[in-house]
């Protein structure tokens, strides 16, 4: 994907969430994004990274597969 603007443009709707994400891009802390599969977590994370002071560093994702537990 292209630069920051392209990433934000690829996120349709969610204007309030995008505004909060832009604010988060300005803080030096790490961010944990959680949610169901396929909701756009990686797209948000990459857009935040590319707008942050760390944009010239590597973008690293850690995927933790969900486990479904059954109670007996």
PDB file of N, CA and C in Angstrom:
ATOM      1  N   UNK A   1       0.833  -1.180   0.000  1.00  0.00           N
ATOM      2  CA  UNK A   1       0.000   0.000   0.000  1.00  0.00           C
ATOM      3  C   UNK A   1       0.872   1.235   0.000  1.00  0.00           C
ATOM      4  N   UNK A   2       0.249   2.342  -0.284  1.00  0.00           N
ATOM      5  CA  UNK A   2       0.986   3.586  -0.383  1.00  0.00           C
ATOM      6  C   UNK A   2       1.199   4.247   0.956  1.00  0.00           C
ATOM      7  N   UNK A   3       1.177   5.570   0.949  1.00  0.00           N
ATOM      8  CA  UNK A   3       1.450   6.332   2.155  1.00  0.00           C
ATOM      9  C   UNK A   3       0.281   6.364   3.115  1.00  0.00           C
ATOM     10  N   UNK A   4       0.433   7.204   4.125  1.00  0.00           N
ATOM     11  CA  UNK A   4      -0.568   7.300   5.185  1.00  0.00           C
ATOM     12  C   UNK A   4      -1.940   7.664   4.644  1.00  0.00           C
ATOM     13  N   UNK A   5      -2.008   8.662   3.767  1.00  0.00           N
ATOM     14  CA  UNK A   5      -3.307   9.106   3.261  1.00  0.00           C
ATOM     15  C   UNK A   5      -4.028   7.971   2.552  1.00  0.00           C
ATOM     16  N   UNK A   6      -3.304   7.198   1.769  1.00  0.00           N
ATOM     17  CA  UNK A   6      -3.917   6.072   1.073  1.00  0.00           C
ATOM     18  C   UNK A   6      -4.509   5.087   2.070  1.00  0.00           C
ATOM     19  N   UNK A   7      -3.784   4.806   3.150  1.00  0.00           N
ATOM     20  CA  UNK A   7      -4.301   3.868   4.142  1.00  0.00           C
ATOM     21  C   UNK A   7      -5.565   4.397   4.801  1.00  0.00           C
ATOM     22  N   UNK A   8      -5.577   5.674   5.181  1.00  0.00           N
ATOM     23  CA  UNK A   8      -6.785   6.224   5.794  1.00  0.00           C
ATOM     24  C   UNK A   8      -7.933   6.212   4.799  1.00  0.00           C
ATOM     25  N   UNK A   9      -7.642   6.470   3.531  1.00  0.00           N
ATOM     26  CA  UNK A   9      -8.686   6.469   2.506  1.00  0.00           C
ATOM     27  C   UNK A   9      -9.260   5.074   2.281  1.00  0.00           C
ATOM     28  N   UNK A  10      -8.493   4.036   2.587  1.00  0.00           N
ATOM     29  CA  UNK A  10      -8.966   2.662   2.410  1.00  0.00           C
ATOM     30  C   UNK A  10      -9.876   2.200   3.543  1.00  0.00           C
ATOM     31  N   UNK A  11      -9.990   2.999   4.585  1.00  0.00           N
ATOM     32  CA  UNK A  11     -10.868   2.661   5.706  1.00  0.00           C
ATOM     33  C   UNK A  11     -12.156   3.452   5.510  1.00  0.00           C
ATOM     34  N   UNK A  12     -13.193   2.768   5.073  1.00  0.00           N
ATOM     35  CA  UNK A  12     -14.453   3.427   4.763  1.00  0.00           C
ATOM     36  C   UNK A  12     -15.308   3.561   6.016  1.00  0.00           C
ATOM     37  N   UNK A  13     -15.911   4.733   6.186  1.00  0.00           N
ATOM     38  CA  UNK A  13     -16.738   4.964   7.361  1.00  0.00           C
ATOM     39  C   UNK A  13     -15.876   5.099   8.605  1.00  0.00           C
ATOM     40  N   UNK A  14     -16.433   4.816   9.745  1.00  0.00           N
ATOM     41  CA  UNK A  14     -15.713   4.812  11.017  1.00  0.00           C
ATOM     42  C   UNK A  14     -14.979   6.124  11.280  1.00  0.00           C
ATOM     43  N   UNK A  15     -15.579   7.250  10.922  1.00  0.00           N
ATOM     44  CA  UNK A  15     -14.889   8.539  11.051  1.00  0.00           C
ATOM     45  C   UNK A  15     -14.453   8.821  12.487  1.00  0.00           C
ATOM     46  N   UNK A  16     -15.307   8.533  13.456  1.00  0.00           N
ATOM     47  CA  UNK A  16     -14.948   8.781  14.858  1.00  0.00           C
ATOM     48  C   UNK A  16     -13.752   7.917  15.265  1.00  0.00           C
ATOM     49  N   UNK A  17     -13.758   6.666  14.853  1.00  0.00           N
ATOM     50  CA  UNK A  17     -12.652   5.764  15.176  1.00  0.00           C
ATOM     51  C   UNK A  17     -11.366   6.196  14.470  1.00  0.00           C
ATOM     52  N   UNK A  18     -11.475   6.640  13.229  1.00  0.00           N
ATOM     53  CA  UNK A  18     -10.287   7.120  12.507  1.00  0.00           C
ATOM     54  C   UNK A  18      -9.708   8.358  13.186  1.00  0.00           C
ATOM     55  N   UNK A  19     -10.572   9.252  13.664  1.00  0.00           N
ATOM     56  CA  UNK A  19     -10.082  10.441  14.364  1.00  0.00           C
ATOM     57  C   UNK A  19      -9.342  10.061  15.646  1.00  0.00           C
ATOM     58  N   UNK A  20      -9.872   9.081  16.382  1.00  0.00           N
ATOM     59  CA  UNK A  20      -9.195   8.613  17.598  1.00  0.00           C
ATOM     60  C   UNK A  20      -7.864   7.949  17.248  1.00  0.00           C
ATOM     61  N   UNK A  21      -7.839   7.202  16.163  1.00  0.00           N
ATOM     62  CA  UNK A  21      -6.607   6.532  15.739  1.00  0.00           C
ATOM     63  C   UNK A  21      -5.541   7.549  15.352  1.00  0.00           C
ATOM     64  N   UNK A  22      -5.945   8.629  14.708  1.00  0.00           N
ATOM     65  CA  UNK A  22      -4.982   9.688  14.349  1.00  0.00           C
ATOM     66  C   UNK A  22      -4.377  10.310  15.601  1.00  0.00           C
ATOM     67  N   UNK A  23      -5.181  10.459  16.646  1.00  0.00           N
ATOM     68  CA  UNK A  23      -4.676  10.987  17.922  1.00  0.00           C
ATOM     69  C   UNK A  23      -3.678   9.999  18.524  1.00  0.00           C
ATOM     70  N   UNK A  24      -4.028   8.709  18.490  1.00  0.00           N
ATOM     71  CA  UNK A  24      -3.132   7.685  19.033  1.00  0.00           C
ATOM     72  C   UNK A  24      -1.796   7.659  18.302  1.00  0.00           C
ATOM     73  N   UNK A  25      -1.793   7.998  17.028  1.00  0.00           N
ATOM     74  CA  UNK A  25      -0.551   8.009  16.254  1.00  0.00           C
ATOM     75  C   UNK A  25       0.437   9.028  16.811  1.00  0.00           C
ATOM     76  N   UNK A  26      -0.060  10.009  17.542  1.00  0.00           N
ATOM     77  CA  UNK A  26       0.804  11.052  18.081  1.00  0.00           C
ATOM     78  C   UNK A  26       1.399  10.748  19.443  1.00  0.00           C
ATOM     79  N   UNK A  27       1.048   9.621  20.038  1.00  0.00           N
ATOM     80  CA  UNK A  27       1.605   9.293  21.352  1.00  0.00           C
ATOM     81  C   UNK A  27       2.713   8.251  21.199  1.00  0.00           C
ATOM     82  N   UNK A  28       3.685   8.250  22.115  1.00  0.00           N
ATOM     83  CA  UNK A  28       4.818   7.334  21.976  1.00  0.00           C
ATOM     84  C   UNK A  28       4.563   5.917  22.496  1.00  0.00           C
ATOM     85  N   UNK A  29       3.405   5.665  23.060  1.00  0.00           N
ATOM     86  CA  UNK A  29       3.125   4.361  23.659  1.00  0.00           C
ATOM     87  C   UNK A  29       2.787   3.309  22.609  1.00  0.00           C
ATOM     88  N   UNK A  30       2.951   2.049  22.988  1.00  0.00           N
ATOM     89  CA  UNK A  30       2.516   0.944  22.139  1.00  0.00           C
ATOM     90  C   UNK A  30       1.000   0.842  22.207  1.00  0.00           C
ATOM     91  N   UNK A  31       0.409   0.298  21.162  1.00  0.00           N
ATOM     92  CA  UNK A  31      -1.044   0.178  21.084  1.00  0.00           C
ATOM     93  C   UNK A  31      -1.398  -1.278  20.816  1.00  0.00           C
ATOM     94  N   UNK A  32      -2.366  -1.794  21.544  1.00  0.00           N
ATOM     95  CA  UNK A  32      -2.878  -3.136  21.315  1.00  0.00           C
ATOM     96  C   UNK A  32      -4.259  -2.996  20.693  1.00  0.00           C
ATOM     97  N   UNK A  33      -4.422  -3.548  19.516  1.00  0.00           N
ATOM     98  CA  UNK A  33      -5.705  -3.486  18.816  1.00  0.00           C
ATOM     99  C   UNK A  33      -6.297  -4.889  18.829  1.00  0.00           C
ATOM    100  N   UNK A  34      -7.490  -5.013  19.368  1.00  0.00           N
ATOM    101  CA  UNK A  34      -8.141  -6.317  19.428  1.00  0.00           C
ATOM    102  C   UNK A  34      -9.484  -6.249  18.717  1.00  0.00           C
ATOM    103  N   UNK A  35      -9.926  -7.385  18.227  1.00  0.00           N
ATOM    104  CA  UNK A  35     -11.215  -7.448  17.553  1.00  0.00           C
ATOM    105  C   UNK A  35     -11.336  -8.747  16.788  1.00  0.00           C
ATOM    106  N   UNK A  36     -12.497  -8.952  16.246  1.00  0.00           N
ATOM    107  CA  UNK A  36     -12.757 -10.173  15.501  1.00  0.00           C
ATOM    108  C   UNK A  36     -11.966 -10.194  14.199  1.00  0.00           C
ATOM    109  N   UNK A  37     -11.809 -11.366  13.657  1.00  0.00           N
ATOM    110  CA  UNK A  37     -11.096 -11.551  12.402  1.00  0.00           C
ATOM    111  C   UNK A  37     -11.811 -10.814  11.270  1.00  0.00           C
ATOM    112  N   UNK A  38     -11.025 -10.109  10.459  1.00  0.00           N
ATOM    113  CA  UNK A  38     -11.581  -9.468   9.275  1.00  0.00           C
ATOM    114  C   UNK A  38     -12.202  -8.099   9.476  1.00  0.00           C
ATOM    115  N   UNK A  39     -11.988  -7.468  10.634  1.00  0.00           N
ATOM    116  CA  UNK A  39     -12.615  -6.165  10.879  1.00  0.00           C
ATOM    117  C   UNK A  39     -11.709  -4.979  10.544  1.00  0.00           C
ATOM    118  N   UNK A  40     -10.471  -5.234  10.120  1.00  0.00           N
ATOM    119  CA  UNK A  40      -9.586  -4.153   9.701  1.00  0.00           C
ATOM    120  C   UNK A  40      -8.557  -3.717  10.723  1.00  0.00           C
ATOM    121  N   UNK A  41      -8.244  -4.578  11.674  1.00  0.00           N
ATOM    122  CA  UNK A  41      -7.265  -4.220  12.709  1.00  0.00           C
ATOM    123  C   UNK A  41      -5.910  -3.891  12.098  1.00  0.00           C
ATOM    124  N   UNK A  42      -5.452  -4.713  11.175  1.00  0.00           N
ATOM    125  CA  UNK A  42      -4.138  -4.499  10.566  1.00  0.00           C
ATOM    126  C   UNK A  42      -4.107  -3.195   9.767  1.00  0.00           C
ATOM    127  N   UNK A  43      -5.168  -2.895   9.048  1.00  0.00           N
ATOM    128  CA  UNK A  43      -5.233  -1.663   8.266  1.00  0.00           C
ATOM    129  C   UNK A  43      -5.136  -0.440   9.178  1.00  0.00           C
ATOM    130  N   UNK A  44      -5.874  -0.465  10.299  1.00  0.00           N
ATOM    131  CA  UNK A  44      -5.791   0.626  11.271  1.00  0.00           C
ATOM    132  C   UNK A  44      -4.383   0.712  11.856  1.00  0.00           C
ATOM    133  N   UNK A  45      -3.820  -0.435  12.224  1.00  0.00           N
ATOM    134  CA  UNK A  45      -2.486  -0.449  12.827  1.00  0.00           C
ATOM    135  C   UNK A  45      -1.443   0.128  11.879  1.00  0.00           C
ATOM    136  N   UNK A  46      -1.519  -0.248  10.622  1.00  0.00           N
ATOM    137  CA  UNK A  46      -0.544   0.251   9.648  1.00  0.00           C
ATOM    138  C   UNK A  46      -0.726   1.746   9.398  1.00  0.00           C
ATOM    139  N   UNK A  47      -1.960   2.206   9.350  1.00  0.00           N
ATOM    140  CA  UNK A  47      -2.220   3.638   9.165  1.00  0.00           C
ATOM    141  C   UNK A  47      -1.694   4.433  10.362  1.00  0.00           C
ATOM    142  N   UNK A  48      -1.921   3.925  11.572  1.00  0.00           N
ATOM    143  CA  UNK A  48      -1.415   4.587  12.778  1.00  0.00           C
ATOM    144  C   UNK A  48       0.111   4.619  12.746  1.00  0.00           C
ATOM    145  N   UNK A  49       0.727   3.495  12.423  1.00  0.00           N
ATOM    146  CA  UNK A  49       2.194   3.422  12.360  1.00  0.00           C
ATOM    147  C   UNK A  49       2.751   4.429  11.359  1.00  0.00           C
ATOM    148  N   UNK A  50       2.146   4.487  10.176  1.00  0.00           N
ATOM    149  CA  UNK A  50       2.661   5.363   9.125  1.00  0.00           C
ATOM    150  C   UNK A  50       2.471   6.842   9.421  1.00  0.00           C
ATOM    151  N   UNK A  51       1.607   7.170  10.369  1.00  0.00           N
ATOM    152  CA  UNK A  51       1.422   8.568  10.755  1.00  0.00           C
ATOM    153  C   UNK A  51       2.222   8.903  12.012  1.00  0.00           C
ATOM    154  N   UNK A  52       2.812   7.905  12.646  1.00  0.00           N
ATOM    155  CA  UNK A  52       3.511   8.116  13.911  1.00  0.00           C
ATOM    156  C   UNK A  52       4.965   8.526  13.697  1.00  0.00           C
ATOM    157  N   UNK A  53       5.617   8.877  14.800  1.00  0.00           N
ATOM    158  CA  UNK A  53       7.040   9.222  14.758  1.00  0.00           C
ATOM    159  C   UNK A  53       7.888   8.001  14.401  1.00  0.00           C
ATOM    160  N   UNK A  54       7.321   6.809  14.517  1.00  0.00           N
ATOM    161  CA  UNK A  54       8.045   5.564  14.213  1.00  0.00           C
ATOM    162  C   UNK A  54       7.900   5.135  12.756  1.00  0.00           C
ATOM    163  N   UNK A  55       7.328   5.980  11.925  1.00  0.00           N
ATOM    164  CA  UNK A  55       7.002   5.589  10.548  1.00  0.00           C
ATOM    165  C   UNK A  55       8.200   5.114   9.734  1.00  0.00           C
ATOM    166  N   UNK A  56       9.397   5.554  10.080  1.00  0.00           N
ATOM    167  CA  UNK A  56      10.580   5.116   9.340  1.00  0.00           C
ATOM    168  C   UNK A  56      11.130   3.786   9.848  1.00  0.00           C
ATOM    169  N   UNK A  57      10.591   3.301  10.969  1.00  0.00           N
ATOM    170  CA  UNK A  57      11.002   2.017  11.519  1.00  0.00           C
ATOM    171  C   UNK A  57      10.149   0.897  10.944  1.00  0.00           C
ATOM    172  N   UNK A  58      10.459  -0.332  11.324  1.00  0.00           N
ATOM    173  CA  UNK A  58       9.695  -1.467  10.796  1.00  0.00           C
ATOM    174  C   UNK A  58       8.274  -1.508  11.357  1.00  0.00           C
ATOM    175  N   UNK A  59       7.359  -1.998  10.553  1.00  0.00           N
ATOM    176  CA  UNK A  59       5.982  -2.243  10.985  1.00  0.00           C
ATOM    177  C   UNK A  59       5.891  -3.728  11.281  1.00  0.00           C
ATOM    178  N   UNK A  60       5.712  -4.064  12.542  1.00  0.00           N
ATOM    179  CA  UNK A  60       5.726  -5.465  12.963  1.00  0.00           C
ATOM    180  C   UNK A  60       4.366  -5.826  13.541  1.00  0.00           C
ATOM    181  N   UNK A  61       3.785  -6.899  13.042  1.00  0.00           N
ATOM    182  CA  UNK A  61       2.522  -7.377  13.597  1.00  0.00           C
ATOM    183  C   UNK A  61       2.751  -8.713  14.281  1.00  0.00           C
ATOM    184  N   UNK A  62       1.985  -8.944  15.307  1.00  0.00           N
ATOM    185  CA  UNK A  62       2.012 -10.227  16.006  1.00  0.00           C
ATOM    186  C   UNK A  62       0.584 -10.748  15.992  1.00  0.00           C
ATOM    187  N   UNK A  63       0.396 -11.867  15.343  1.00  0.00           N
ATOM    188  CA  UNK A  63      -0.937 -12.444  15.278  1.00  0.00           C
ATOM    189  C   UNK A  63      -1.032 -13.583  16.280  1.00  0.00           C
ATOM    190  N   UNK A  64      -2.020 -13.498  17.119  1.00  0.00           N
ATOM    191  CA  UNK A  64      -2.251 -14.529  18.123  1.00  0.00           C
ATOM    192  C   UNK A  64      -3.558 -15.219  17.749  1.00  0.00           C
ATOM    193  N   UNK A  65      -3.478 -16.453  17.294  1.00  0.00           N
ATOM    194  CA  UNK A  65      -4.711 -17.130  16.881  1.00  0.00           C
ATOM    195  C   UNK A  65      -5.660 -17.310  18.056  1.00  0.00           C
ATOM    196  N   UNK A  66      -6.916 -17.122  17.765  1.00  0.00           N
ATOM    197  CA  UNK A  66      -7.899 -17.292  18.837  1.00  0.00           C
ATOM    198  C   UNK A  66      -8.133 -18.776  19.068  1.00  0.00           C
ATOM    199  N   UNK A  67      -8.380 -19.095  20.280  1.00  0.00           N
ATOM    200  CA  UNK A  67      -8.674 -20.480  20.653  1.00  0.00           C
ATOM    201  C   UNK A  67     -10.123 -20.531  21.106  1.00  0.00           C
ATOM    202  N   UNK A  68     -10.831 -21.490  20.614  1.00  0.00           N
ATOM    203  CA  UNK A  68     -12.212 -21.668  21.053  1.00  0.00           C
ATOM    204  C   UNK A  68     -12.220 -22.763  22.112  1.00  0.00           C
ATOM    205  N   UNK A  69     -12.703 -22.405  23.262  1.00  0.00           N
ATOM    206  CA  UNK A  69     -12.728 -23.347  24.372  1.00  0.00           C
ATOM    207  C   UNK A  69     -14.139 -23.894  24.547  1.00  0.00           C
ATOM    208  N   UNK A  70     -14.194 -25.141  24.865  1.00  0.00           N
ATOM    209  CA  UNK A  70     -15.480 -25.775  25.125  1.00  0.00           C
ATOM    210  C   UNK A  70     -15.546 -26.144  26.593  1.00  0.00           C
ATOM    211  N   UNK A  71     -16.639 -25.814  27.196  1.00  0.00           N
ATOM    212  CA  UNK A  71     -16.851 -26.192  28.593  1.00  0.00           C
ATOM    213  C   UNK A  71     -17.611 -27.509  28.624  1.00  0.00           C
ATOM    214  N   UNK A  72     -17.166 -28.405  29.446  1.00  0.00           N
ATOM    215  CA  UNK A  72     -17.824 -29.710  29.550  1.00  0.00           C
ATOM    216  C   UNK A  72     -18.607 -29.799  30.829  1.00  0.00           C
TER     217      UNK A  72
END
